[in-house]
């Protein structure tokens, strides 16, 4: 991914909202509100992620690295 002017890779795009956000589905940090807050993504929703992808996709070609 050396052509950042024309390409963008969205790596595991929904991981932030899945683990840390208010709509989180993952239980990994369920009992650790401090870790969720410190992540910087505690308020990140799935819509935020989709909006970010839409913004990037308008600027450059985008590829995805799926959530493992």
PDB file of N, CA and C in Angstrom:
ATOM      1  N   UNK A   1       0.837  -1.185   0.000  1.00  0.00           N
ATOM      2  CA  UNK A   1       0.000   0.000   0.000  1.00  0.00           C
ATOM      3  C   UNK A   1       0.877   1.242   0.000  1.00  0.00           C
ATOM      4  N   UNK A   2       1.726   1.330  -0.968  1.00  0.00           N
ATOM      5  CA  UNK A   2       2.635   2.474  -1.030  1.00  0.00           C
ATOM      6  C   UNK A   2       2.065   3.644  -1.815  1.00  0.00           C
ATOM      7  N   UNK A   3       0.925   3.494  -2.456  1.00  0.00           N
ATOM      8  CA  UNK A   3       0.327   4.570  -3.250  1.00  0.00           C
ATOM      9  C   UNK A   3      -0.799   5.230  -2.473  1.00  0.00           C
ATOM     10  N   UNK A   4      -0.478   5.841  -1.366  1.00  0.00           N
ATOM     11  CA  UNK A   4      -1.494   6.433  -0.501  1.00  0.00           C
ATOM     12  C   UNK A   4      -2.263   7.564  -1.175  1.00  0.00           C
ATOM     13  N   UNK A   5      -1.735   8.086  -2.277  1.00  0.00           N
ATOM     14  CA  UNK A   5      -2.451   9.136  -2.994  1.00  0.00           C
ATOM     15  C   UNK A   5      -3.602   8.576  -3.821  1.00  0.00           C
ATOM     16  N   UNK A   6      -3.564   7.265  -4.123  1.00  0.00           N
ATOM     17  CA  UNK A   6      -4.617   6.659  -4.936  1.00  0.00           C
ATOM     18  C   UNK A   6      -5.261   5.436  -4.296  1.00  0.00           C
ATOM     19  N   UNK A   7      -4.655   4.891  -3.247  1.00  0.00           N
ATOM     20  CA  UNK A   7      -5.178   3.687  -2.598  1.00  0.00           C
ATOM     21  C   UNK A   7      -5.302   3.898  -1.092  1.00  0.00           C
ATOM     22  N   UNK A   8      -6.266   3.220  -0.510  1.00  0.00           N
ATOM     23  CA  UNK A   8      -6.419   3.242   0.940  1.00  0.00           C
ATOM     24  C   UNK A   8      -6.867   1.863   1.384  1.00  0.00           C
ATOM     25  N   UNK A   9      -6.267   1.351   2.433  1.00  0.00           N
ATOM     26  CA  UNK A   9      -6.655   0.060   2.985  1.00  0.00           C
ATOM     27  C   UNK A   9      -7.385   0.302   4.305  1.00  0.00           C
ATOM     28  N   UNK A  10      -8.577  -0.238   4.410  1.00  0.00           N
ATOM     29  CA  UNK A  10      -9.351  -0.115   5.636  1.00  0.00           C
ATOM     30  C   UNK A  10      -9.221  -1.443   6.360  1.00  0.00           C
ATOM     31  N   UNK A  11      -8.352  -1.481   7.347  1.00  0.00           N
ATOM     32  CA  UNK A  11      -8.032  -2.723   8.052  1.00  0.00           C
ATOM     33  C   UNK A  11      -9.006  -2.948   9.202  1.00  0.00           C
ATOM     34  N   UNK A  12      -9.719  -4.057   9.169  1.00  0.00           N
ATOM     35  CA  UNK A  12     -10.681  -4.405  10.215  1.00  0.00           C
ATOM     36  C   UNK A  12     -11.531  -3.200  10.610  1.00  0.00           C
ATOM     37  N   UNK A  13     -12.305  -2.674   9.679  1.00  0.00           N
ATOM     38  CA  UNK A  13     -12.979  -1.395   9.914  1.00  0.00           C
ATOM     39  C   UNK A  13     -13.957  -1.372  11.085  1.00  0.00           C
ATOM     40  N   UNK A  14     -14.592  -2.494  11.390  1.00  0.00           N
ATOM     41  CA  UNK A  14     -15.609  -2.462  12.430  1.00  0.00           C
ATOM     42  C   UNK A  14     -15.098  -2.895  13.802  1.00  0.00           C
ATOM     43  N   UNK A  15     -13.816  -3.172  13.911  1.00  0.00           N
ATOM     44  CA  UNK A  15     -13.255  -3.608  15.187  1.00  0.00           C
ATOM     45  C   UNK A  15     -13.414  -2.583  16.293  1.00  0.00           C
ATOM     46  N   UNK A  16     -13.255  -1.297  15.961  1.00  0.00           N
ATOM     47  CA  UNK A  16     -13.366  -0.245  16.983  1.00  0.00           C
ATOM     48  C   UNK A  16     -14.751  -0.222  17.616  1.00  0.00           C
ATOM     49  N   UNK A  17     -15.783  -0.229  16.785  1.00  0.00           N
ATOM     50  CA  UNK A  17     -17.138  -0.199  17.332  1.00  0.00           C
ATOM     51  C   UNK A  17     -17.524  -1.550  17.940  1.00  0.00           C
ATOM     52  N   UNK A  18     -17.009  -2.636  17.387  1.00  0.00           N
ATOM     53  CA  UNK A  18     -17.319  -3.978  17.885  1.00  0.00           C
ATOM     54  C   UNK A  18     -16.816  -4.184  19.312  1.00  0.00           C
ATOM     55  N   UNK A  19     -15.596  -3.742  19.584  1.00  0.00           N
ATOM     56  CA  UNK A  19     -15.004  -3.955  20.910  1.00  0.00           C
ATOM     57  C   UNK A  19     -15.230  -2.812  21.893  1.00  0.00           C
ATOM     58  N   UNK A  20     -15.264  -1.571  21.411  1.00  0.00           N
ATOM     59  CA  UNK A  20     -15.219  -0.432  22.324  1.00  0.00           C
ATOM     60  C   UNK A  20     -16.450   0.467  22.333  1.00  0.00           C
ATOM     61  N   UNK A  21     -17.183   0.523  21.239  1.00  0.00           N
ATOM     62  CA  UNK A  21     -18.264   1.496  21.092  1.00  0.00           C
ATOM     63  C   UNK A  21     -19.506   1.199  21.909  1.00  0.00           C
ATOM     64  N   UNK A  22     -20.442   2.140  21.903  1.00  0.00           N
ATOM     65  CA  UNK A  22     -21.672   1.979  22.673  1.00  0.00           C
ATOM     66  C   UNK A  22     -22.574   0.863  22.133  1.00  0.00           C
ATOM     67  N   UNK A  23     -22.379   0.466  20.878  1.00  0.00           N
ATOM     68  CA  UNK A  23     -23.160  -0.612  20.275  1.00  0.00           C
ATOM     69  C   UNK A  23     -22.367  -1.920  20.255  1.00  0.00           C
ATOM     70  N   UNK A  24     -21.319  -1.991  21.062  1.00  0.00           N
ATOM     71  CA  UNK A  24     -20.379  -3.116  20.998  1.00  0.00           C
ATOM     72  C   UNK A  24     -21.094  -4.458  21.112  1.00  0.00           C
ATOM     73  N   UNK A  25     -20.609  -5.402  20.350  1.00  0.00           N
ATOM     74  CA  UNK A  25     -21.118  -6.767  20.363  1.00  0.00           C
ATOM     75  C   UNK A  25     -20.135  -7.707  21.039  1.00  0.00           C
ATOM     76  N   UNK A  26     -18.871  -7.316  21.036  1.00  0.00           N
ATOM     77  CA  UNK A  26     -17.848  -8.133  21.662  1.00  0.00           C
ATOM     78  C   UNK A  26     -17.874  -7.994  23.177  1.00  0.00           C
ATOM     79  N   UNK A  27     -17.537  -9.068  23.851  1.00  0.00           N
ATOM     80  CA  UNK A  27     -17.546  -9.036  25.313  1.00  0.00           C
ATOM     81  C   UNK A  27     -16.143  -8.869  25.905  1.00  0.00           C
ATOM     82  N   UNK A  28     -15.148  -8.751  25.045  1.00  0.00           N
ATOM     83  CA  UNK A  28     -13.756  -8.711  25.499  1.00  0.00           C
ATOM     84  C   UNK A  28     -13.491  -7.633  26.559  1.00  0.00           C
ATOM     85  N   UNK A  29     -14.029  -6.443  26.367  1.00  0.00           N
ATOM     86  CA  UNK A  29     -13.796  -5.347  27.314  1.00  0.00           C
ATOM     87  C   UNK A  29     -15.078  -4.970  28.060  1.00  0.00           C
ATOM     88  N   UNK A  30     -16.001  -5.913  28.138  1.00  0.00           N
ATOM     89  CA  UNK A  30     -17.303  -5.668  28.754  1.00  0.00           C
ATOM     90  C   UNK A  30     -17.184  -5.161  30.185  1.00  0.00           C
ATOM     91  N   UNK A  31     -16.276  -5.732  30.953  1.00  0.00           N
ATOM     92  CA  UNK A  31     -16.115  -5.359  32.358  1.00  0.00           C
ATOM     93  C   UNK A  31     -14.933  -4.431  32.595  1.00  0.00           C
ATOM     94  N   UNK A  32     -14.508  -3.741  31.539  1.00  0.00           N
ATOM     95  CA  UNK A  32     -13.350  -2.854  31.655  1.00  0.00           C
ATOM     96  C   UNK A  32     -13.652  -1.501  31.008  1.00  0.00           C
ATOM     97  N   UNK A  33     -14.518  -0.710  31.638  1.00  0.00           N
ATOM     98  CA  UNK A  33     -14.877   0.585  31.046  1.00  0.00           C
ATOM     99  C   UNK A  33     -13.686   1.519  30.877  1.00  0.00           C
ATOM    100  N   UNK A  34     -12.683   1.416  31.741  1.00  0.00           N
ATOM    101  CA  UNK A  34     -11.503   2.278  31.615  1.00  0.00           C
ATOM    102  C   UNK A  34     -10.748   1.963  30.323  1.00  0.00           C
ATOM    103  N   UNK A  35     -10.622   0.694  29.991  1.00  0.00           N
ATOM    104  CA  UNK A  35      -9.934   0.301  28.758  1.00  0.00           C
ATOM    105  C   UNK A  35     -10.715   0.787  27.531  1.00  0.00           C
ATOM    106  N   UNK A  36     -12.034   0.670  27.567  1.00  0.00           N
ATOM    107  CA  UNK A  36     -12.856   1.160  26.452  1.00  0.00           C
ATOM    108  C   UNK A  36     -12.680   2.661  26.290  1.00  0.00           C
ATOM    109  N   UNK A  37     -12.676   3.378  27.392  1.00  0.00           N
ATOM    110  CA  UNK A  37     -12.512   4.835  27.339  1.00  0.00           C
ATOM    111  C   UNK A  37     -11.117   5.215  26.840  1.00  0.00           C
ATOM    112  N   UNK A  38     -10.100   4.539  27.336  1.00  0.00           N
ATOM    113  CA  UNK A  38      -8.721   4.832  26.949  1.00  0.00           C
ATOM    114  C   UNK A  38      -8.437   4.498  25.484  1.00  0.00           C
ATOM    115  N   UNK A  39      -9.252   3.642  24.890  1.00  0.00           N
ATOM    116  CA  UNK A  39      -9.045   3.263  23.496  1.00  0.00           C
ATOM    117  C   UNK A  39      -9.261   4.440  22.549  1.00  0.00           C
ATOM    118  N   UNK A  40     -10.056   5.409  22.983  1.00  0.00           N
ATOM    119  CA  UNK A  40     -10.399   6.521  22.110  1.00  0.00           C
ATOM    120  C   UNK A  40     -11.584   6.216  21.207  1.00  0.00           C
ATOM    121  N   UNK A  41     -12.168   5.015  21.336  1.00  0.00           N
ATOM    122  CA  UNK A  41     -13.275   4.609  20.481  1.00  0.00           C
ATOM    123  C   UNK A  41     -14.548   4.310  21.260  1.00  0.00           C
ATOM    124  N   UNK A  42     -14.626   4.721  22.500  1.00  0.00           N
ATOM    125  CA  UNK A  42     -15.774   4.365  23.336  1.00  0.00           C
ATOM    126  C   UNK A  42     -17.081   4.958  22.830  1.00  0.00           C
ATOM    127  N   UNK A  43     -17.007   5.973  22.002  1.00  0.00           N
ATOM    128  CA  UNK A  43     -18.217   6.579  21.439  1.00  0.00           C
ATOM    129  C   UNK A  43     -18.381   6.284  19.949  1.00  0.00           C
ATOM    130  N   UNK A  44     -17.550   5.415  19.403  1.00  0.00           N
ATOM    131  CA  UNK A  44     -17.592   5.113  17.972  1.00  0.00           C
ATOM    132  C   UNK A  44     -18.703   4.121  17.665  1.00  0.00           C
ATOM    133  N   UNK A  45     -19.599   4.521  16.759  1.00  0.00           N
ATOM    134  CA  UNK A  45     -20.705   3.660  16.363  1.00  0.00           C
ATOM    135  C   UNK A  45     -20.413   3.027  15.001  1.00  0.00           C
ATOM    136  N   UNK A  46     -21.252   2.071  14.618  1.00  0.00           N
ATOM    137  CA  UNK A  46     -21.099   1.453  13.297  1.00  0.00           C
ATOM    138  C   UNK A  46     -21.343   2.483  12.196  1.00  0.00           C
ATOM    139  N   UNK A  47     -22.248   3.415  12.423  1.00  0.00           N
ATOM    140  CA  UNK A  47     -22.492   4.473  11.439  1.00  0.00           C
ATOM    141  C   UNK A  47     -21.257   5.349  11.270  1.00  0.00           C
ATOM    142  N   UNK A  48     -20.563   5.637  12.364  1.00  0.00           N
ATOM    143  CA  UNK A  48     -19.322   6.410  12.272  1.00  0.00           C
ATOM    144  C   UNK A  48     -18.326   5.718  11.345  1.00  0.00           C
ATOM    145  N   UNK A  49     -18.224   4.410  11.470  1.00  0.00           N
ATOM    146  CA  UNK A  49     -17.286   3.644  10.646  1.00  0.00           C
ATOM    147  C   UNK A  49     -17.699   3.693   9.181  1.00  0.00           C
ATOM    148  N   UNK A  50     -18.988   3.481   8.906  1.00  0.00           N
ATOM    149  CA  UNK A  50     -19.476   3.520   7.525  1.00  0.00           C
ATOM    150  C   UNK A  50     -19.259   4.906   6.933  1.00  0.00           C
ATOM    151  N   UNK A  51     -19.518   5.942   7.702  1.00  0.00           N
ATOM    152  CA  UNK A  51     -19.286   7.314   7.220  1.00  0.00           C
ATOM    153  C   UNK A  51     -17.813   7.545   6.902  1.00  0.00           C
ATOM    154  N   UNK A  52     -16.931   7.031   7.740  1.00  0.00           N
ATOM    155  CA  UNK A  52     -15.488   7.187   7.504  1.00  0.00           C
ATOM    156  C   UNK A  52     -15.076   6.454   6.227  1.00  0.00           C
ATOM    157  N   UNK A  53     -15.607   5.251   6.029  1.00  0.00           N
ATOM    158  CA  UNK A  53     -15.305   4.496   4.809  1.00  0.00           C
ATOM    159  C   UNK A  53     -15.818   5.250   3.584  1.00  0.00           C
ATOM    160  N   UNK A  54     -17.032   5.783   3.662  1.00  0.00           N
ATOM    161  CA  UNK A  54     -17.587   6.551   2.550  1.00  0.00           C
ATOM    162  C   UNK A  54     -16.709   7.747   2.205  1.00  0.00           C
ATOM    163  N   UNK A  55     -16.227   8.442   3.221  1.00  0.00           N
ATOM    164  CA  UNK A  55     -15.376   9.609   3.000  1.00  0.00           C
ATOM    165  C   UNK A  55     -14.080   9.208   2.299  1.00  0.00           C
ATOM    166  N   UNK A  56     -13.445   8.158   2.781  1.00  0.00           N
ATOM    167  CA  UNK A  56     -12.190   7.693   2.187  1.00  0.00           C
ATOM    168  C   UNK A  56     -12.432   7.199   0.766  1.00  0.00           C
ATOM    169  N   UNK A  57     -13.532   6.487   0.555  1.00  0.00           N
ATOM    170  CA  UNK A  57     -13.827   5.917  -0.764  1.00  0.00           C
ATOM    171  C   UNK A  57     -14.056   6.990  -1.821  1.00  0.00           C
ATOM    172  N   UNK A  58     -14.500   8.150  -1.418  1.00  0.00           N
ATOM    173  CA  UNK A  58     -14.701   9.249  -2.361  1.00  0.00           C
ATOM    174  C   UNK A  58     -13.380   9.851  -2.801  1.00  0.00           C
ATOM    175  N   UNK A  59     -12.348   9.694  -1.984  1.00  0.00           N
ATOM    176  CA  UNK A  59     -11.051  10.306  -2.254  1.00  0.00           C
ATOM    177  C   UNK A  59     -10.118   9.392  -3.038  1.00  0.00           C
ATOM    178  N   UNK A  60     -10.111   8.107  -2.704  1.00  0.00           N
ATOM    179  CA  UNK A  60      -9.184   7.155  -3.331  1.00  0.00           C
ATOM    180  C   UNK A  60      -9.859   5.794  -3.458  1.00  0.00           C
ATOM    181  N   UNK A  61      -9.244   4.897  -4.219  1.00  0.00           N
ATOM    182  CA  UNK A  61      -9.725   3.516  -4.274  1.00  0.00           C
ATOM    183  C   UNK A  61      -9.478   2.862  -2.927  1.00  0.00           C
ATOM    184  N   UNK A  62     -10.417   2.064  -2.475  1.00  0.00           N
ATOM    185  CA  UNK A  62     -10.345   1.484  -1.137  1.00  0.00           C
ATOM    186  C   UNK A  62     -10.390  -0.030  -1.209  1.00  0.00           C
ATOM    187  N   UNK A  63      -9.552  -0.669  -0.395  1.00  0.00           N
ATOM    188  CA  UNK A  63      -9.628  -2.122  -0.236  1.00  0.00           C
ATOM    189  C   UNK A  63      -9.843  -2.417   1.240  1.00  0.00           C
ATOM    190  N   UNK A  64     -10.316  -3.629   1.530  1.00  0.00           N
ATOM    191  CA  UNK A  64     -10.636  -3.988   2.903  1.00  0.00           C
ATOM    192  C   UNK A  64      -9.812  -5.180   3.351  1.00  0.00           C
ATOM    193  N   UNK A  65      -9.449  -5.131   4.619  1.00  0.00           N
ATOM    194  CA  UNK A  65      -8.860  -6.266   5.292  1.00  0.00           C
ATOM    195  C   UNK A  65      -9.906  -6.727   6.292  1.00  0.00           C
ATOM    196  N   UNK A  66     -10.529  -7.885   6.101  1.00  0.00           N
ATOM    197  CA  UNK A  66     -11.664  -8.291   6.924  1.00  0.00           C
ATOM    198  C   UNK A  66     -11.292  -8.525   8.376  1.00  0.00           C
ATOM    199  N   UNK A  67     -12.301  -8.427   9.194  1.00  0.00           N
ATOM    200  CA  UNK A  67     -12.152  -8.709  10.616  1.00  0.00           C
ATOM    201  C   UNK A  67     -11.841 -10.185  10.768  1.00  0.00           C
ATOM    202  N   UNK A  68     -10.754 -10.508  11.424  1.00  0.00           N
ATOM    203  CA  UNK A  68     -10.332 -11.903  11.548  1.00  0.00           C
ATOM    204  C   UNK A  68     -11.073 -12.627  12.629  1.00  0.00           C
TER     205      UNK A  68
END
